[in-house]
N, C-alpha and C. Protein backbone atom coordinates (compact mmCIF):
# COMPACT_ATOMS: atom_id res chain seq x y z
N MET A 1 1.20 3.45 -1.79
CA MET A 1 2.84 3.78 -1.32
C MET A 1 3.79 3.13 -0.49
N LYS A 2 4.76 3.01 -0.72
CA LYS A 2 5.83 2.22 -0.25
C LYS A 2 6.03 3.28 0.84
N SER A 3 7.12 2.65 2.07
CA SER A 3 7.67 2.92 3.24
C SER A 3 8.15 4.51 2.50
N GLY A 4 9.02 4.20 1.75
CA GLY A 4 10.10 4.82 0.53
C GLY A 4 11.38 4.50 1.05
N HIS A 5 12.44 4.34 0.43
CA HIS A 5 13.89 4.05 0.61
C HIS A 5 14.41 5.55 0.07
N PRO A 6 15.51 6.02 0.48
CA PRO A 6 16.11 7.16 0.19
C PRO A 6 16.62 7.10 -1.64
N SER A 7 16.16 7.86 -1.86
CA SER A 7 17.25 7.79 -3.58
C SER A 7 18.56 7.83 -3.69
N GLN A 8 19.06 7.61 -4.48
CA GLN A 8 20.45 7.50 -4.85
C GLN A 8 21.23 8.83 -4.64
N ASN A 9 21.90 9.30 -3.49
CA ASN A 9 22.60 10.33 -3.81
C ASN A 9 23.02 10.60 -5.15
N PRO A 10 22.87 11.73 -5.66
CA PRO A 10 23.73 12.14 -6.64
C PRO A 10 25.36 12.17 -6.63
N PRO A 11 26.23 11.50 -7.65
CA PRO A 11 27.45 11.18 -7.14
C PRO A 11 27.95 12.36 -6.50
N GLY A 12 28.60 12.30 -5.67
CA GLY A 12 29.41 13.23 -5.01
C GLY A 12 28.61 13.79 -4.00
N GLN A 13 27.65 13.51 -3.84
CA GLN A 13 26.75 14.60 -2.59
C GLN A 13 25.75 14.13 -2.19
N GLN A 14 25.84 14.52 -0.83
CA GLN A 14 25.20 14.02 0.55
C GLN A 14 23.88 14.94 0.44
N PRO A 15 22.99 14.24 1.04
CA PRO A 15 21.83 15.07 1.14
C PRO A 15 21.92 16.36 1.86
N ILE A 16 22.88 16.82 3.14
CA ILE A 16 23.03 18.13 3.39
C ILE A 16 23.33 18.98 2.40
N ASP A 17 24.36 18.48 1.31
CA ASP A 17 24.79 19.32 0.20
C ASP A 17 23.74 19.75 -1.08
N VAL A 18 22.90 19.07 -1.34
CA VAL A 18 21.65 18.85 -1.95
C VAL A 18 20.90 19.93 -1.12
N LEU A 19 19.92 19.98 0.12
CA LEU A 19 19.56 20.93 0.90
C LEU A 19 20.55 22.07 0.74
N GLN A 20 21.74 21.85 1.02
CA GLN A 20 21.56 23.52 0.86
C GLN A 20 21.81 24.47 -0.48
N GLU A 21 21.74 23.55 -1.50
CA GLU A 21 21.64 23.99 -2.94
C GLU A 21 20.41 24.69 -3.12
N PHE A 22 19.13 23.74 -2.52
CA PHE A 22 17.94 24.42 -2.34
C PHE A 22 17.60 25.45 -1.50
N VAL A 23 18.31 25.43 -0.53
CA VAL A 23 18.46 27.15 0.32
C VAL A 23 18.99 28.13 -0.43
N GLY A 24 19.88 27.74 -0.63
CA GLY A 24 20.90 28.89 -1.80
C GLY A 24 19.77 29.19 -2.83
N VAL A 25 19.11 28.65 -3.53
CA VAL A 25 18.25 29.18 -4.67
C VAL A 25 17.06 29.85 -3.89
N PHE A 26 16.74 29.24 -2.97
CA PHE A 26 15.23 29.91 -2.55
C PHE A 26 15.68 31.05 -1.73
N VAL A 27 16.75 31.33 -0.85
CA VAL A 27 17.40 32.61 -0.57
C VAL A 27 17.51 33.53 -1.60
N SER A 28 18.10 32.98 -2.47
CA SER A 28 18.09 34.40 -3.85
C SER A 28 16.74 34.78 -4.19
N LYS A 29 15.95 33.61 -4.08
CA LYS A 29 14.43 34.62 -4.50
C LYS A 29 13.63 35.13 -3.43
N GLY A 30 13.91 35.01 -2.48
CA GLY A 30 13.30 35.55 -1.26
C GLY A 30 12.40 34.56 -0.42
N TRP A 31 12.37 33.51 -0.70
CA TRP A 31 11.21 32.22 -0.97
C TRP A 31 11.63 31.77 0.36
N LEU A 32 12.92 31.28 0.83
CA LEU A 32 12.96 30.75 2.26
C LEU A 32 12.38 30.77 3.39
N ASN A 33 11.82 29.66 3.89
CA ASN A 33 11.02 29.80 4.81
C ASN A 33 9.29 30.01 4.57
N GLN A 34 9.07 29.83 3.33
CA GLN A 34 7.82 30.31 2.71
C GLN A 34 7.21 29.23 2.16
N THR A 35 6.01 28.67 2.06
CA THR A 35 5.20 28.09 1.36
C THR A 35 4.37 28.71 0.05
N ILE A 36 5.09 28.27 -1.43
CA ILE A 36 4.54 28.67 -2.67
C ILE A 36 3.51 27.72 -3.31
N ARG A 37 2.84 28.32 -4.49
CA ARG A 37 2.08 27.20 -5.12
C ARG A 37 2.86 27.47 -6.58
N ILE A 38 3.09 26.36 -7.28
CA ILE A 38 3.45 26.37 -8.86
C ILE A 38 2.67 25.30 -9.41
N ARG A 39 2.95 25.99 -10.87
CA ARG A 39 2.52 24.94 -11.67
C ARG A 39 3.78 24.24 -12.65
N HIS A 40 4.09 22.90 -12.63
CA HIS A 40 5.36 22.54 -13.27
C HIS A 40 5.22 21.24 -13.80
N ARG A 41 5.20 21.36 -15.23
CA ARG A 41 5.07 20.27 -16.20
C ARG A 41 3.61 19.62 -16.04
N GLY A 42 2.99 20.71 -15.86
CA GLY A 42 1.24 20.21 -16.01
C GLY A 42 0.51 19.76 -14.71
N GLY A 43 1.67 19.76 -13.70
CA GLY A 43 0.75 19.56 -12.49
C GLY A 43 1.28 20.87 -11.25
N ARG A 44 0.42 20.73 -10.34
CA ARG A 44 0.27 22.06 -9.33
C ARG A 44 0.88 21.34 -8.16
N TYR A 45 1.76 22.24 -7.38
CA TYR A 45 2.59 21.86 -6.18
C TYR A 45 2.73 22.92 -4.98
N SER A 46 2.74 22.50 -4.21
CA SER A 46 2.63 23.04 -2.91
C SER A 46 4.36 23.06 -2.40
N ILE A 47 5.40 23.77 -2.28
CA ILE A 47 6.82 23.90 -2.08
C ILE A 47 7.08 24.55 -1.11
N SER A 48 7.94 24.05 -0.02
CA SER A 48 8.70 24.51 0.68
C SER A 48 9.58 24.57 1.22
N CYS A 49 10.70 25.45 1.21
CA CYS A 49 12.14 25.08 1.46
C CYS A 49 12.49 26.37 3.09
N SER A 50 13.35 25.20 3.73
CA SER A 50 13.52 25.88 5.07
C SER A 50 14.85 25.67 5.02
N GLU A 51 15.88 26.10 6.13
CA GLU A 51 17.11 25.33 6.41
C GLU A 51 16.92 23.93 6.76
N LYS A 52 16.02 23.18 7.17
CA LYS A 52 16.08 21.85 7.55
C LYS A 52 15.52 20.98 6.75
N GLN A 53 14.44 21.59 5.46
CA GLN A 53 14.28 20.75 4.39
C GLN A 53 13.45 21.42 3.27
N PHE A 54 13.68 20.74 2.40
CA PHE A 54 12.92 20.89 1.11
C PHE A 54 11.74 20.29 0.73
N PHE A 55 10.53 20.54 0.70
CA PHE A 55 9.47 19.88 0.54
C PHE A 55 8.49 19.88 -0.66
N ALA A 56 8.38 19.17 -1.48
CA ALA A 56 7.57 19.37 -2.49
C ALA A 56 5.95 18.54 -2.46
N TYR A 57 4.85 19.05 -2.54
CA TYR A 57 4.25 18.57 -2.46
C TYR A 57 2.68 18.38 -3.49
N ARG A 58 2.83 17.24 -4.25
CA ARG A 58 1.92 17.32 -5.07
C ARG A 58 0.34 17.37 -5.00
N ILE A 59 -0.37 18.66 -5.35
CA ILE A 59 -1.93 19.07 -5.22
C ILE A 59 -2.57 18.63 -6.47
N ASN A 60 -3.51 17.40 -5.79
CA ASN A 60 -4.42 16.31 -6.44
C ASN A 60 -5.52 17.41 -7.57
N ASP A 61 -5.20 17.24 -8.56
CA ASP A 61 -6.43 18.33 -9.32
C ASP A 61 -7.45 17.37 -9.32
N ASN A 62 -7.79 16.14 -8.92
CA ASN A 62 -9.10 15.19 -9.37
C ASN A 62 -10.06 15.96 -8.39
N CYS A 63 -11.04 16.29 -8.57
CA CYS A 63 -11.76 16.84 -7.55
C CYS A 63 -12.49 15.75 -7.02
N SER A 64 -13.06 14.48 -7.77
CA SER A 64 -14.15 13.75 -7.43
C SER A 64 -13.59 12.95 -6.30
N VAL A 65 -12.10 13.27 -5.83
CA VAL A 65 -11.03 12.39 -4.57
C VAL A 65 -11.66 13.17 -3.24
N SER A 66 -11.95 12.22 -2.47
CA SER A 66 -12.22 12.39 -1.25
C SER A 66 -11.66 13.41 -0.71
N PRO A 67 -11.97 14.45 0.62
CA PRO A 67 -11.23 15.35 0.97
C PRO A 67 -10.29 14.84 1.53
N GLY A 68 -9.63 13.52 2.20
CA GLY A 68 -8.85 13.33 3.02
C GLY A 68 -7.55 13.32 2.10
N PHE A 69 -7.92 13.25 0.56
CA PHE A 69 -6.52 12.73 -0.53
C PHE A 69 -6.28 14.14 -1.00
N PRO A 70 -5.58 15.58 -0.38
CA PRO A 70 -6.00 16.51 -1.24
C PRO A 70 -4.16 16.65 -1.84
N GLY A 71 -3.49 15.40 -1.80
CA GLY A 71 -2.46 14.84 -2.46
C GLY A 71 -1.43 14.62 -2.10
N TRP A 72 -0.25 14.73 -2.23
CA TRP A 72 0.89 13.96 -1.74
C TRP A 72 2.20 14.15 -2.00
N PRO A 73 3.21 13.77 -1.01
CA PRO A 73 4.95 14.42 -1.43
C PRO A 73 5.52 13.42 -2.21
N VAL A 74 6.11 14.29 -2.69
CA VAL A 74 6.72 13.88 -4.13
C VAL A 74 8.22 14.19 -3.87
N CYS A 75 8.98 14.55 -3.22
CA CYS A 75 9.99 15.16 -3.05
C CYS A 75 10.25 16.08 -1.52
N ILE A 76 11.33 15.22 -0.74
CA ILE A 76 11.66 15.68 0.36
C ILE A 76 13.21 15.59 0.51
N VAL A 77 13.67 16.80 1.25
CA VAL A 77 15.49 16.71 1.30
C VAL A 77 15.57 17.09 2.73
N THR A 78 15.97 16.58 3.31
CA THR A 78 16.61 16.90 5.06
C THR A 78 17.98 17.05 4.95
N HIS A 79 18.72 16.69 6.14
CA HIS A 79 20.39 17.00 6.10
C HIS A 79 20.54 15.90 5.83
N ASP A 80 20.16 14.96 6.38
CA ASP A 80 20.76 13.33 6.22
C ASP A 80 19.42 12.65 5.39
N ARG A 81 18.93 13.09 4.64
CA ARG A 81 18.01 12.04 3.92
C ARG A 81 17.26 12.69 2.56
N MET A 82 17.23 12.08 1.62
CA MET A 82 16.78 12.70 -0.03
C MET A 82 15.93 11.36 -0.24
N THR A 83 14.53 11.54 -0.32
CA THR A 83 13.34 10.84 -1.19
C THR A 83 12.45 11.43 -2.17
N ASP A 84 12.47 10.89 -3.33
CA ASP A 84 11.31 11.38 -4.07
C ASP A 84 10.68 10.13 -4.63
N ASP A 85 9.36 10.67 -5.21
CA ASP A 85 8.32 10.24 -5.76
C ASP A 85 8.69 8.78 -6.37
N ALA A 86 9.72 8.57 -7.00
CA ALA A 86 10.33 7.33 -7.48
C ALA A 86 10.65 6.28 -6.58
N ALA A 87 11.19 6.56 -5.18
CA ALA A 87 10.95 5.92 -4.22
C ALA A 87 10.37 5.47 -3.47
N MET A 88 9.29 6.23 -3.70
CA MET A 88 8.24 6.26 -2.50
C MET A 88 7.14 5.13 -3.02
N SER A 89 6.99 5.49 -4.28
CA SER A 89 5.96 4.96 -5.26
C SER A 89 6.40 3.27 -5.69
N SER A 90 5.55 2.39 -5.71
CA SER A 90 5.75 1.24 -6.35
C SER A 90 5.23 0.97 -8.04
N LEU A 91 4.63 2.47 -8.35
CA LEU A 91 4.20 2.65 -9.50
C LEU A 91 5.73 3.30 -10.35
N ALA A 92 5.69 3.36 -11.98
CA ALA A 92 6.65 4.19 -12.11
C ALA A 92 6.34 5.85 -12.15
N SER A 93 7.29 6.24 -11.60
CA SER A 93 6.45 7.92 -11.41
C SER A 93 7.04 8.65 -12.48
N THR A 94 5.88 9.93 -12.68
CA THR A 94 6.07 10.89 -13.62
C THR A 94 6.62 12.21 -12.94
N GLU A 95 6.32 12.10 -11.86
CA GLU A 95 6.75 13.29 -11.21
C GLU A 95 8.59 13.53 -10.71
N PRO A 96 8.89 14.81 -11.11
CA PRO A 96 10.24 15.37 -11.21
C PRO A 96 11.12 14.57 -9.82
N ASP A 97 12.27 14.21 -10.02
CA ASP A 97 13.45 13.91 -8.96
C ASP A 97 14.23 14.99 -8.91
N ILE A 98 14.54 14.73 -7.49
CA ILE A 98 15.42 16.01 -6.98
C ILE A 98 16.55 16.45 -7.75
N ARG A 99 17.10 16.22 -8.50
CA ARG A 99 17.45 16.93 -9.72
C ARG A 99 17.02 17.93 -10.59
N GLU A 100 15.59 17.17 -11.23
CA GLU A 100 14.95 18.12 -11.71
C GLU A 100 13.94 19.30 -10.77
N TRP A 101 13.92 18.88 -9.59
CA TRP A 101 13.33 20.35 -8.95
C TRP A 101 14.24 21.26 -8.67
N LEU A 102 15.85 20.92 -8.38
CA LEU A 102 16.70 21.94 -8.19
C LEU A 102 16.89 22.65 -9.77
N ARG A 103 16.67 22.23 -10.79
CA ARG A 103 16.86 22.78 -12.49
C ARG A 103 16.05 23.54 -12.49
N CYS A 104 14.59 22.77 -12.06
CA CYS A 104 13.20 23.75 -12.20
C CYS A 104 13.59 25.08 -11.62
N PHE A 105 13.87 25.06 -10.32
CA PHE A 105 14.22 26.50 -9.69
C PHE A 105 15.08 27.29 -9.97
N ARG A 106 16.24 26.44 -10.01
CA ARG A 106 17.48 27.47 -10.95
C ARG A 106 17.07 28.40 -11.69
N ASP A 107 16.25 27.55 -12.96
CA ASP A 107 15.99 27.95 -14.54
C ASP A 107 14.96 28.85 -14.31
N GLY A 108 13.76 28.78 -13.49
CA GLY A 108 12.81 29.33 -13.28
C GLY A 108 11.49 28.72 -14.40
N ASP A 109 12.24 27.23 -14.28
CA ASP A 109 11.19 26.25 -15.38
C ASP A 109 9.54 26.16 -14.44
N PHE A 110 9.02 27.10 -13.58
CA PHE A 110 7.59 27.04 -13.26
C PHE A 110 6.75 27.92 -13.49
N GLU A 111 5.43 28.31 -13.06
CA GLU A 111 4.40 29.29 -12.86
C GLU A 111 4.13 29.12 -11.58
N LEU A 112 4.29 30.67 -10.98
CA LEU A 112 3.67 30.60 -9.77
C LEU A 112 2.33 30.85 -9.97
N ILE A 113 1.65 30.44 -8.87
CA ILE A 113 0.07 30.53 -9.14
C ILE A 113 -0.69 30.65 -7.65
């Protein structure tokens, strides 16, 4: 995994604006300051959102991986930074990007597990 470079900000949006969008969605669902587990596009994720950050963590489904590697972060949005898997990985990412995460939660395109 690369050290990570912040993703390109969506046009006209700063990290704080995107974080506030996540916060609004999570407040409306009653999930702010909680950790939830979801299934989205065939993957399992641990998701948390607070007024300080949105964090999506991919849960490794491969049982043969050593216990030290239970998963990896795929999206982090804070007041001053946005980073997703495409920016953190040297390989082509199949993980949702920041905009896809917002759409996923707004549209209910996931399964709580």
